[in-house]
Protein backbone atom coordinates (compact mmCIF):
# COMPACT_ATOMS: atom_id res chain seq x y z
CA MET A 1 29.90 37.69 91.66
CA GLY A 2 30.05 37.61 87.87
CA LYS A 3 27.07 37.44 85.52
CA ILE A 4 27.63 33.78 84.78
CA ASP A 5 27.69 32.95 88.52
CA ILE A 6 24.49 34.90 88.98
CA LEU A 7 22.85 33.08 86.05
CA LYS A 8 23.72 29.74 87.64
CA GLU A 9 21.41 30.71 90.54
CA VAL A 10 18.43 30.92 88.14
CA PRO A 11 16.77 27.48 88.23
CA ILE A 12 16.14 27.20 84.45
CA PHE A 13 19.84 27.79 83.67
CA GLY A 14 21.31 25.54 86.36
CA ASP A 15 22.03 22.60 83.98
CA LEU A 16 23.79 24.60 81.27
CA SER A 17 27.51 24.32 80.61
CA GLU A 18 29.87 27.23 81.20
CA SER A 19 30.12 27.92 77.45
CA ASP A 20 26.33 27.84 76.99
CA LEU A 21 25.91 30.23 79.97
CA GLN A 22 28.44 32.51 78.39
CA SER A 23 26.45 32.51 75.19
CA VAL A 24 23.21 33.42 77.02
CA VAL A 25 24.87 36.09 79.15
CA GLY A 26 26.24 37.72 75.98
CA LYS A 27 22.67 38.44 74.83
CA MET A 28 21.52 39.98 78.10
CA GLU A 29 21.42 43.61 79.19
CA SER A 30 21.59 44.93 82.76
CA GLN A 31 18.89 47.20 84.14
CA SER A 32 18.52 49.04 87.45
CA TYR A 33 15.34 50.25 89.12
CA LYS A 34 14.68 52.53 92.06
CA LYS A 35 12.31 51.55 94.90
CA GLY A 36 8.68 52.01 93.80
CA ARG A 37 9.48 51.89 90.11
CA ILE A 38 6.92 50.10 87.95
CA ILE A 39 8.99 47.68 85.89
CA LEU A 40 6.11 46.12 83.97
CA LYS A 41 2.52 47.29 83.51
CA GLU A 42 -0.52 45.10 83.19
CA HIS A 43 -1.85 45.04 79.63
CA SER A 44 1.39 46.32 78.17
CA VAL A 45 3.20 44.50 75.30
CA GLY A 46 5.80 42.01 76.43
CA GLU A 47 9.25 42.52 74.94
CA HIS A 48 11.65 41.16 77.56
CA CYS A 49 12.07 38.50 80.26
CA TYR A 50 13.73 39.64 83.50
CA PHE A 51 16.17 37.76 85.77
CA LEU A 52 16.65 39.31 89.19
CA ILE A 53 20.23 39.92 90.36
CA ARG A 54 19.59 42.12 93.37
CA GLY A 55 16.57 43.51 95.21
CA ARG A 56 12.95 42.38 95.43
CA VAL A 57 9.78 42.97 93.41
CA LYS A 58 6.06 42.37 93.89
CA ILE A 59 3.76 40.95 91.22
CA THR A 60 0.37 42.69 91.48
CA ARG A 61 -3.05 43.04 89.82
CA MET A 62 -5.93 45.38 90.56
CA SER A 63 -9.21 43.85 91.81
CA SER A 64 -12.56 44.86 90.39
CA ASP A 65 -13.05 47.26 93.31
CA GLY A 66 -9.65 48.98 92.75
CA ARG A 67 -7.66 47.16 95.45
CA GLU A 68 -4.14 45.99 94.84
CA VAL A 69 -3.78 42.20 95.06
CA ILE A 70 -0.23 40.88 95.46
CA LEU A 71 0.27 37.62 93.62
CA ALA A 72 3.94 36.99 94.46
CA LEU A 73 7.13 38.42 95.92
CA LEU A 74 10.30 37.68 94.04
CA GLY A 75 14.00 38.05 94.91
CA PRO A 76 17.48 37.29 93.46
CA GLY A 77 17.47 34.17 91.25
CA ASP A 78 13.79 34.55 90.38
CA PHE A 79 12.55 35.59 86.94
CA PHE A 80 9.39 37.13 85.48
CA GLY A 81 7.92 38.40 82.19
CA GLU A 82 8.22 35.04 80.43
CA MET A 83 4.53 34.33 80.09
CA SER A 84 3.83 37.22 77.71
CA LEU A 85 6.80 36.19 75.53
CA LEU A 86 5.48 32.62 75.31
CA SER A 87 1.85 33.48 74.69
CA GLY A 88 2.23 36.60 72.58
CA GLU A 89 -0.45 38.21 74.74
CA ALA A 90 -0.20 41.42 76.78
CA ARG A 91 1.23 41.44 80.26
CA SER A 92 -1.17 39.95 82.83
CA ALA A 93 0.17 41.76 85.93
CA ASN A 94 2.23 44.68 87.19
CA VAL A 95 5.70 44.32 88.57
CA VAL A 96 6.93 46.89 91.07
CA ALA A 97 10.36 47.24 92.70
CA LEU A 98 10.15 47.00 96.50
CA GLU A 99 13.67 48.30 96.92
CA LYS A 100 16.67 49.21 94.76
CA THR A 101 16.65 46.37 92.20
CA LYS A 102 18.88 45.15 89.41
CA ALA A 103 17.93 42.63 86.69
CA MET A 104 19.35 41.13 83.54
CA THR A 105 16.94 41.14 80.59
CA LEU A 106 16.59 38.98 77.52
CA ASN A 107 14.50 40.18 74.62
CA ARG A 108 11.72 38.03 73.08
CA GLU A 109 13.70 36.77 70.10
CA ASP A 110 16.77 35.76 72.17
CA PHE A 111 14.58 34.21 74.85
CA LEU A 112 12.64 32.04 72.38
CA ASN A 113 15.86 31.12 70.57
CA THR A 114 17.44 30.04 73.87
CA LEU A 115 14.51 27.73 74.55
CA GLU A 116 14.85 26.30 71.04
CA LEU A 117 18.59 25.78 71.22
CA HIS A 118 18.76 24.46 74.83
CA SER A 119 16.23 21.79 75.69
CA LYS A 120 17.44 21.84 79.29
CA VAL A 121 16.32 25.42 79.65
CA ALA A 122 12.91 24.65 78.11
CA ILE A 123 12.46 21.68 80.44
CA GLY A 124 13.57 23.80 83.44
CA LEU A 125 11.08 26.46 82.46
CA LEU A 126 8.23 23.94 82.28
CA ARG A 127 9.25 22.65 85.71
CA GLU A 128 9.22 26.16 87.21
CA LEU A 129 5.81 26.95 85.65
CA ALA A 130 4.37 23.74 87.01
CA ILE A 131 5.68 24.56 90.51
CA ARG A 132 4.15 28.06 90.27
CA LEU A 133 0.79 26.64 89.12
CA GLN A 134 0.76 24.16 91.99
CA LYS A 135 1.55 26.89 94.50
CA SER A 136 -1.13 29.11 93.07
CA ASP A 137 -3.72 26.33 93.32
CA GLU A 138 -2.76 25.63 96.94
CA GLN A 139 -2.84 29.33 97.77
CA ILE A 140 -6.31 29.82 96.23
CA ALA A 141 -7.67 26.76 98.10
CA SER A 142 -6.20 27.78 101.46
CA LEU A 143 -7.06 31.47 101.30
CA SER A 144 -10.64 30.91 100.11
CA LEU A 145 -11.42 28.55 102.99
CA SER A 146 -9.85 30.49 105.82
CA ASP A 147 -10.69 33.44 108.06
CA ALA A 148 -8.56 36.58 107.90
CA GLU A 149 -6.18 35.71 110.75
CA ARG A 150 -5.46 32.27 109.25
CA ARG A 151 -4.98 33.80 105.76
CA ILE A 152 -2.30 36.06 107.25
CA ALA A 153 -0.59 33.08 108.87
CA ILE A 154 -0.71 31.18 105.55
CA THR A 155 0.75 34.22 103.82
CA LEU A 156 3.62 34.36 106.32
CA LEU A 157 4.27 30.66 105.73
CA ARG A 158 4.45 31.29 101.98
CA ILE A 159 6.91 34.17 102.45
CA ALA A 160 8.95 32.18 104.93
CA GLU A 161 9.22 29.16 102.59
CA GLU A 162 10.23 31.33 99.64
CA GLN A 163 12.48 33.88 101.30
CA GLY A 164 13.12 32.96 104.91
CA THR A 165 16.33 31.64 106.45
CA ILE A 166 16.16 28.90 109.08
CA HIS A 167 18.36 28.64 112.17
CA GLN A 168 17.84 26.28 115.09
CA GLY A 169 14.24 25.67 114.19
CA ASN A 170 13.32 29.31 113.81
CA VAL A 171 12.72 31.04 110.48
CA THR A 172 13.66 34.69 109.92
CA ILE A 173 12.00 36.82 107.26
CA ASP A 174 14.25 39.86 106.63
CA PRO A 175 13.06 42.24 105.40
CA LEU A 176 9.42 41.56 106.21
CA PRO A 177 7.04 43.04 103.60
CA SER A 178 5.07 46.01 104.77
CA GLN A 179 1.82 45.32 106.65
CA GLN A 180 -0.12 46.72 103.69
CA ASP A 181 1.65 44.34 101.30
CA VAL A 182 0.92 41.38 103.59
CA ALA A 183 -2.70 42.52 103.74
CA ASN A 184 -2.85 42.67 99.94
CA MET A 185 -1.44 39.14 99.70
CA ALA A 186 -3.87 37.80 102.28
CA GLY A 187 -6.94 39.65 101.04
CA THR A 188 -7.52 41.59 104.24
CA THR A 189 -6.73 44.96 105.85
CA ARG A 190 -3.53 46.43 107.29
CA GLU A 191 -5.34 46.85 110.64
CA THR A 192 -6.13 43.14 110.72
CA VAL A 193 -2.47 42.30 109.93
CA SER A 194 -1.30 44.56 112.77
CA ARG A 195 -3.75 42.95 115.21
CA THR A 196 -2.84 39.44 114.10
CA TYR A 197 0.85 40.17 114.58
CA ARG A 198 0.19 41.27 118.14
CA LEU A 199 -1.82 38.14 118.87
CA MET A 200 0.90 35.91 117.41
CA GLU A 201 3.51 37.61 119.53
CA GLU A 202 1.40 37.23 122.65
CA ASP A 203 0.95 33.51 121.86
CA GLY A 204 4.71 33.01 121.27
CA TYR A 205 4.50 32.26 117.58
CA VAL A 206 6.58 35.19 116.33
CA GLN A 207 8.97 37.95 117.36
CA ARG A 208 9.24 41.29 115.56
CA LYS A 209 12.46 43.29 115.46
CA GLY A 210 12.01 46.33 113.19
CA ARG A 211 11.58 45.08 109.65
CA LYS A 212 12.54 41.57 110.65
CA LEU A 213 10.06 38.84 111.77
CA VAL A 214 11.14 35.59 113.38
CA ILE A 215 8.74 32.59 113.31
CA LEU A 216 9.53 30.67 116.46
CA TYR A 217 9.52 26.88 116.34
CA PHE A 218 8.66 26.87 112.61
CA LYS A 219 7.42 23.28 112.63
CA ARG A 220 4.82 24.13 115.29
CA PHE A 221 3.74 27.22 113.29
CA LEU A 222 3.48 25.07 110.16
CA SER A 223 1.48 22.43 111.99
CA ASP A 224 -0.93 24.87 113.60
CA PHE A 225 -1.62 27.04 110.58
CA SER A 226 -1.05 25.03 107.42
């Protein structure tokens, strides 16, 4: 798949013409990162926006007591780093590669010029930011009002909706984030995640196969835990 085809998968660029996409791609640079590489550091100066081509990353912050809190998991077609370019402030979170990852980057000047030249991109960016804000509000409300087991279920729902594939009413998450990463997303412990997985399997909600998790009868799961 060529760079232009990849760029078409990024929501904010979906409405651009082929020639406009070619112009944007011409300003981008490709970057590769090994698993575990810190791509962006919290409080660092923002110079680039990143558009994921391959692999997955986690967006994290450190809590006041030193725990990692995972704010989001992103995959191909997602982007990050735009907020610092828009605000002129330092980065507000860390970004870490969960596996071998490749991204195309756009520097601050070219990113801002693209928004100025292409109103469709600016509108698309506003739409994506609004969606993210709404999801964050929903996540805060649901996690703050739930016990640990329910928070884990809500976290699985979030991952399934963003990265899962559905087949005959079941949703497969592949690869499933590590138990520690799920715990960091749900604000609980790895041991609680492990115990909750076992209970969900016993109750017929999920099946685990290595790094893959299948949510059985997704509509039932959604009804029982959302």
